[in-house]
Every structure is written in structure tokens, then in C-alpha cells.
Amino acid sequence: MRLALAQINTTTDVAANLAKVRDYTHRAAEADAEVVVFPEATMSAFGRGLAEIAEREATGWREALTALAADADTSIVVGEFAVADGKLVNLLAVYAPDGTRSEYAKIHLYDAFGFKESDTVTAGQDPAVVSLAGDEVGIAICYDIRFPKLFAELSRRGARLAIVSASWGAGPGKVEQWELLARARALDSNMFVLALGQADPEVTGVDVPPKGPTGVGHSLVADPFGAVVVELGGEEMLEVVDLDLGLADEAAEALPVLVNAKLGY
């Protein structure tokens, strides 16, 4: 599978974010990527008025992404928002070239490091495995990466790759935690893990909102043995990587941790 990692910064300007998504998607398509992955909160960065932005922009955003996937003939994995029962839903959506759309609602809300996502966001309930380029792929969002049982479940459902899109909050040790967690989830679930976050605004100079998590960059792909296949820096960039998902089968045979697990864990 050929995938493109689109490590970008977004703001609360949805039109500007959409223009950036179009640019990176067409560049990914020119590089023959079958899938292009964008961060959590690509539609709009976290900030004040997010519910109003989601209500106003969601329909047009979805129509634009549906058309873009068809035009580029590339699947797009992208962070967006919806509103349900007066609260936000933090989504990772998959737009396929055939016009179909799948979505995952973030299960584990970021009530940590002084931020309380559950104040404004409704948690999802169901893990998600989607078909991408003929393979089953698990999808997850940001804080989910700290919960190994979710990734074990995605693997048990047939995924050999998990995509985690994030707007990872900055702070002491947070880059190291991000890298460690991606490698650990790959190793303990017999999967590739593609961990794609917002770029670091301290590096890019993008004027992101002052409230909420922004990004630290350092997106990476870890293989099923925990080795880093590719890792980015802090800047905005597009990186294309080819993955042989058959390595996940080799890992499951060599190190069958999910088969050997006791008590259903």
C-alpha cells in the first residue's frame, strides 16, 4: 500500500484549510499514493466557536471532500467535526474515490494535562475498521493511542494497519510519548501504526488558535515489530511511504501476543 502522510497545521479558517487539503491531496495523487492521511481537526483547528463552525461548514466540507477524492482518485483520511445533541463529535472520516464515506467517532476523549474534551465533545462507542486500497485498516484519533485494548480489537477485527490522526498537545516529554506510544501499539497489536499529527506551529509559524491542542509534528510509521519505518520533523510536509502489510502476518506468527493473551486482554 502506498500512503501519503500530510503533516499540516490548520486554523479556524475552513476555506483555507480546504485549500491546503486540496493541494496536498493532488500532490499525493501525483506521487501515486492510494491513500492520503491528514491530522485530527483538519476541517478546523480546536478553538472558540468550534460547534458553530461545524454546524455551518460540515455539509459543504463533506461535499468538497467527496468531490476531491473522486477527482484525485485517491482515498482521503481526514479529521473533521459534526454536532449532535448540542455537542461536538470528533470524527476521522474516510472519503473513497467511488463517492463513499466512512467515519469513526473518537472513543477516548482527551481529559488530561489540564484539558477536558468531554466538556464539549460526545464520545464515540464503536471501534472502526474500514477498507482502504483493498485492505482492512483500523482508524483512531489522538488520545486513543494511549489505550492498547482498542488497537488489539482493531487487529482482531482483521486490520493490519492502524491510522491514528492527532492534534497532539505540546509539552515536556510529549514528542517522546507520541513516538513511544506509536511503536508500542504496533508491537503489542501485530500491526503497522501510522501516527499522523498536526505540524509544530513553533516550527511552521502558522498562527493557530491559543486554546486547545495544536501539534508537535514528528508523524511516523512503526512496523509490527516496533521499528520506525519513517519519521517526520516539525515542519509541514508530505511524505510518501510504501508498506508491505504482509509483515503484519509475519509478526502475528512470530510473536502471537493476541493469541497468547489471557483473560481476554
Protein backbone atom coordinates (compact mmCIF):
# COMPACT_ATOMS: atom_id res chain seq x y z
CA MET A 1 0.00 0.00 0.00
CA ARG A 2 1.33 3.42 -0.92
CA LEU A 3 0.30 6.09 1.58
CA ALA A 4 0.98 9.81 1.86
CA LEU A 5 1.42 11.47 5.24
CA ALA A 6 0.14 15.06 5.04
CA GLN A 7 1.54 16.74 8.14
CA ILE A 8 -0.02 20.20 8.15
CA ASN A 9 -1.21 22.92 10.52
CA THR A 10 -4.81 24.09 10.30
CA THR A 11 -6.54 27.18 11.68
CA THR A 12 -10.21 28.05 12.20
CA ASP A 13 -10.39 29.28 8.57
CA VAL A 14 -12.17 26.32 6.97
CA ALA A 15 -11.78 27.62 3.41
CA ALA A 16 -8.02 27.97 3.85
CA ASN A 17 -7.83 24.51 5.41
CA LEU A 18 -9.76 23.05 2.48
CA ALA A 19 -7.40 24.72 0.01
CA LYS A 20 -4.45 23.14 1.82
CA VAL A 21 -6.14 19.73 1.76
CA ARG A 22 -6.72 20.06 -1.98
CA ASP A 23 -3.08 20.97 -2.58
CA TYR A 24 -1.68 18.10 -0.53
CA THR A 25 -4.16 15.59 -1.96
CA HIS A 26 -3.28 16.43 -5.55
CA ARG A 27 0.43 16.21 -4.69
CA ALA A 28 -0.18 12.81 -3.11
CA ALA A 29 -2.07 11.65 -6.20
CA GLU A 30 0.77 12.82 -8.44
CA ALA A 31 3.06 10.57 -6.35
CA ASP A 32 0.66 7.64 -6.98
CA ALA A 33 -0.43 7.41 -3.34
CA GLU A 34 -3.53 5.28 -2.90
CA VAL A 35 -4.35 6.97 0.42
CA VAL A 36 -3.52 10.39 1.84
CA VAL A 37 -3.80 10.91 5.60
CA PHE A 38 -4.46 14.24 7.29
CA PRO A 39 -4.47 15.13 11.02
CA GLU A 40 -7.23 15.36 13.55
CA ALA A 41 -9.02 18.74 13.39
CA THR A 42 -8.17 19.32 9.74
CA MET A 43 -11.57 20.89 8.99
CA SER A 44 -10.93 23.40 11.76
CA ALA A 45 -8.34 23.67 14.47
CA PHE A 46 -9.51 23.45 18.05
CA GLY A 47 -10.60 26.87 19.32
CA ARG A 48 -13.51 29.03 20.31
CA GLY A 49 -16.72 28.68 18.31
CA LEU A 50 -15.92 25.20 17.03
CA ALA A 51 -19.52 23.97 17.34
CA GLU A 52 -20.77 26.91 15.27
CA ILE A 53 -18.07 26.27 12.66
CA ALA A 54 -19.04 22.59 12.47
CA GLU A 55 -22.75 23.33 12.09
CA ARG A 56 -22.13 25.94 9.41
CA GLU A 57 -19.43 24.17 7.42
CA ALA A 58 -19.98 20.41 7.72
CA THR A 59 -22.21 19.93 4.67
CA GLY A 60 -20.05 21.96 2.31
CA TRP A 61 -16.89 20.37 3.67
CA ARG A 62 -18.19 16.85 3.07
CA GLU A 63 -19.35 17.69 -0.45
CA ALA A 64 -15.94 19.17 -1.26
CA LEU A 65 -14.01 16.17 0.12
CA THR A 66 -16.25 13.71 -1.72
CA ALA A 67 -15.55 15.52 -4.99
CA LEU A 68 -11.82 15.82 -4.23
CA ALA A 69 -11.39 12.08 -3.58
CA ALA A 70 -13.10 11.30 -6.88
CA ASP A 71 -11.13 13.91 -8.81
CA ALA A 72 -7.77 12.79 -7.39
CA ASP A 73 -8.70 9.09 -7.50
CA THR A 74 -7.22 8.83 -4.01
CA SER A 75 -8.77 7.90 -0.66
CA ILE A 76 -8.61 10.71 1.90
CA VAL A 77 -8.46 10.17 5.66
CA VAL A 78 -9.20 13.44 7.41
CA GLY A 79 -10.16 14.88 10.79
CA GLU A 80 -13.45 16.76 10.95
CA PHE A 81 -16.33 17.62 13.28
CA ALA A 82 -20.09 17.29 13.47
CA VAL A 83 -22.69 18.40 16.02
CA ALA A 84 -25.14 16.01 17.68
CA ASP A 85 -27.49 16.76 20.58
CA GLY A 86 -25.82 20.11 21.15
CA LYS A 87 -22.29 18.71 21.46
CA LEU A 88 -19.41 18.23 19.06
CA VAL A 89 -18.46 14.84 17.67
CA ASN A 90 -14.74 14.48 16.91
CA LEU A 91 -14.54 12.45 13.70
CA LEU A 92 -12.00 10.79 11.47
CA ALA A 93 -13.61 10.39 8.06
CA VAL A 94 -12.57 8.32 5.06
CA TYR A 95 -13.56 9.56 1.59
CA ALA A 96 -13.15 6.99 -1.18
CA PRO A 97 -12.82 7.74 -4.91
CA ASP A 98 -16.13 5.92 -5.55
CA GLY A 99 -18.02 8.55 -3.55
CA THR A 100 -18.50 6.55 -0.36
CA ARG A 101 -17.71 8.00 3.07
CA SER A 102 -16.96 6.18 6.34
CA GLU A 103 -16.39 7.72 9.75
CA TYR A 104 -15.13 6.98 13.24
CA ALA A 105 -16.13 8.99 16.31
CA LYS A 106 -13.37 9.36 18.88
CA ILE A 107 -13.94 7.00 21.79
CA HIS A 108 -11.34 8.21 24.30
CA LEU A 109 -11.80 11.92 24.96
CA TYR A 110 -8.82 13.99 25.98
CA ASP A 111 -9.47 14.74 29.65
CA ALA A 112 -5.79 15.09 30.53
CA PHE A 113 -2.97 17.59 31.01
CA GLY A 114 -5.44 20.29 32.08
CA PHE A 115 -7.71 19.97 29.02
CA LYS A 116 -11.22 18.49 29.19
CA GLU A 117 -12.52 17.49 25.79
CA SER A 118 -15.59 15.83 27.33
CA ASP A 119 -16.96 19.25 28.30
CA THR A 120 -17.81 19.94 24.66
CA VAL A 121 -17.49 16.62 22.81
CA THR A 122 -19.62 13.46 22.84
CA ALA A 123 -17.62 10.22 22.93
CA GLY A 124 -18.00 7.58 20.26
CA GLN A 125 -18.82 3.99 21.18
CA ASP A 126 -17.60 1.74 18.38
CA PRO A 127 -14.13 0.85 17.06
CA ALA A 128 -13.84 1.23 13.29
CA VAL A 129 -12.15 -0.85 10.60
CA VAL A 130 -12.50 0.42 7.02
CA SER A 131 -11.46 -0.84 3.61
CA LEU A 132 -8.58 1.14 2.07
CA ALA A 133 -6.84 0.13 -1.15
CA GLY A 134 -8.17 -3.40 -0.74
CA ASP A 135 -7.00 -3.87 2.86
CA GLU A 136 -8.73 -3.65 6.22
CA VAL A 137 -7.43 -0.65 8.19
CA GLY A 138 -8.25 0.44 11.73
CA ILE A 139 -8.72 4.14 12.40
CA ALA A 140 -8.31 6.06 15.65
CA ILE A 141 -7.86 9.61 16.93
CA CYS A 142 -5.15 11.15 19.10
CA TYR A 143 -5.71 10.17 22.79
CA ASP A 144 -6.92 6.73 21.60
CA ILE A 145 -3.26 5.82 21.08
CA ARG A 146 -2.81 5.51 24.86
CA PHE A 147 -5.30 2.60 25.06
CA PRO A 148 -3.82 -0.71 23.87
CA LYS A 149 -7.07 -2.67 24.11
CA LEU A 150 -8.56 -0.58 21.30
CA PHE A 151 -5.67 -1.47 18.99
CA ALA A 152 -5.85 -5.12 19.97
CA GLU A 153 -9.53 -5.06 18.99
CA LEU A 154 -8.77 -3.44 15.63
CA SER A 155 -6.18 -6.14 14.97
CA ARG A 156 -8.59 -8.91 15.97
CA ARG A 157 -11.10 -7.46 13.51
CA GLY A 158 -8.63 -8.02 10.69
CA ALA A 159 -6.68 -4.76 10.48
CA ARG A 160 -3.00 -4.99 9.60
CA LEU A 161 -2.57 -1.22 9.71
CA ALA A 162 -3.96 1.34 12.14
CA ILE A 163 -4.09 5.02 11.23
CA VAL A 164 -4.05 7.45 14.15
CA SER A 165 -4.70 11.10 13.32
CA ALA A 166 -3.91 13.62 16.03
CA SER A 167 -3.66 17.22 17.13
CA TRP A 168 -1.14 16.29 19.81
CA GLY A 169 -0.80 18.76 22.66
CA ALA A 170 2.68 20.16 23.19
CA GLY A 171 4.55 20.00 26.48
CA PRO A 172 7.53 18.44 28.24
CA GLY A 173 8.11 14.89 27.02
CA LYS A 174 5.11 14.89 24.69
CA VAL A 175 7.07 14.20 21.49
CA GLU A 176 8.82 11.26 23.18
CA GLN A 177 5.50 9.91 24.44
CA TRP A 178 3.95 10.19 20.97
CA GLU A 179 6.81 8.26 19.37
CA LEU A 180 6.89 5.63 22.12
CA LEU A 181 3.13 5.06 22.06
CA ALA A 182 3.04 4.60 18.28
CA ARG A 183 5.80 2.00 18.42
CA ALA A 184 4.25 0.25 21.43
CA ARG A 185 0.80 -0.01 19.83
CA ALA A 186 2.37 -1.50 16.70
CA LEU A 187 4.35 -4.01 18.73
CA ASP A 188 1.54 -5.09 21.04
CA SER A 189 -1.11 -5.42 18.32
CA ASN A 190 0.86 -7.02 15.42
CA MET A 191 0.05 -4.07 13.13
CA PHE A 192 1.66 -1.22 11.33
CA VAL A 193 0.76 2.07 13.03
CA LEU A 194 0.71 5.28 11.02
CA ALA A 195 0.61 8.12 13.55
CA LEU A 196 -0.08 11.41 11.77
CA GLY A 197 -0.26 14.67 13.72
CA GLN A 198 -0.54 18.38 13.11
CA ALA A 199 2.78 20.05 12.38
CA ASP A 200 4.50 22.07 15.09
CA PRO A 201 3.35 25.71 14.83
CA GLU A 202 6.52 26.80 16.60
CA VAL A 203 8.36 25.50 13.53
CA THR A 204 5.89 26.39 10.78
CA GLY A 205 4.92 29.84 12.03
CA VAL A 206 1.24 29.10 11.33
CA ASP A 207 -0.98 31.24 13.57
CA VAL A 208 -3.01 28.56 15.36
CA PRO A 209 -5.69 29.33 17.97
CA PRO A 210 -4.34 29.83 21.50
CA LYS A 211 -6.76 27.35 23.13
CA GLY A 212 -6.70 23.60 22.74
CA PRO A 213 -4.07 21.14 21.47
CA THR A 214 -2.20 22.23 18.35
CA GLY A 215 0.57 19.88 17.25
CA VAL A 216 4.16 18.76 17.71
CA GLY A 217 4.84 17.21 14.31
CA HIS A 218 7.02 14.07 14.34
CA SER A 219 4.48 11.93 12.50
CA LEU A 220 5.77 8.40 12.00
CA VAL A 221 5.09 4.91 10.77
CA ALA A 222 6.03 1.99 13.01
CA ASP A 223 6.12 -1.57 11.71
CA PRO A 224 4.59 -4.58 13.54
CA PHE A 225 7.93 -5.29 15.26
CA GLY A 226 8.03 -1.74 16.65
CA ALA A 227 10.70 -0.42 14.27
CA VAL A 228 10.32 3.08 12.83
CA VAL A 229 9.83 2.98 9.06
CA VAL A 230 9.74 6.76 8.55
CA GLU A 231 9.59 9.77 10.87
CA LEU A 232 8.99 13.42 10.07
CA GLY A 233 10.25 16.56 11.77
CA GLY A 234 8.18 19.51 12.95
CA GLU A 235 7.53 21.25 9.64
CA GLU A 236 4.58 20.99 7.26
CA MET A 237 5.38 18.35 4.68
CA LEU A 238 4.14 15.48 2.55
CA GLU A 239 5.87 12.11 2.88
CA VAL A 240 5.02 9.08 0.74
CA VAL A 241 5.71 5.59 2.07
CA ASP A 242 5.19 2.09 0.67
CA LEU A 243 4.10 -0.57 3.18
CA ASP A 244 4.04 -4.33 2.71
CA LEU A 245 1.23 -5.23 5.09
CA GLY A 246 2.22 -8.89 4.84
CA LEU A 247 4.78 -8.09 7.53
CA ALA A 248 1.87 -7.92 9.98
CA ASP A 249 1.12 -11.57 9.26
CA GLU A 250 4.76 -12.47 9.87
CA ALA A 251 4.70 -10.60 13.18
CA ALA A 252 1.49 -12.32 14.27
CA GLU A 253 3.09 -15.70 13.58
CA ALA A 254 6.43 -14.90 15.19
CA LEU A 255 5.05 -13.02 18.21
CA PRO A 256 1.40 -14.08 18.67
CA VAL A 257 0.65 -11.81 21.62
CA LEU A 258 -3.05 -11.54 20.83
CA VAL A 259 -3.46 -15.30 20.57
CA ASN A 260 -1.47 -15.80 23.76
CA ALA A 261 -3.38 -13.14 25.70
CA LYS A 262 -5.17 -14.32 28.83
CA LEU A 263 -8.46 -13.12 30.36
CA GLY A 264 -9.44 -11.52 27.07
CA TYR A 265 -6.80 -8.78 27.39
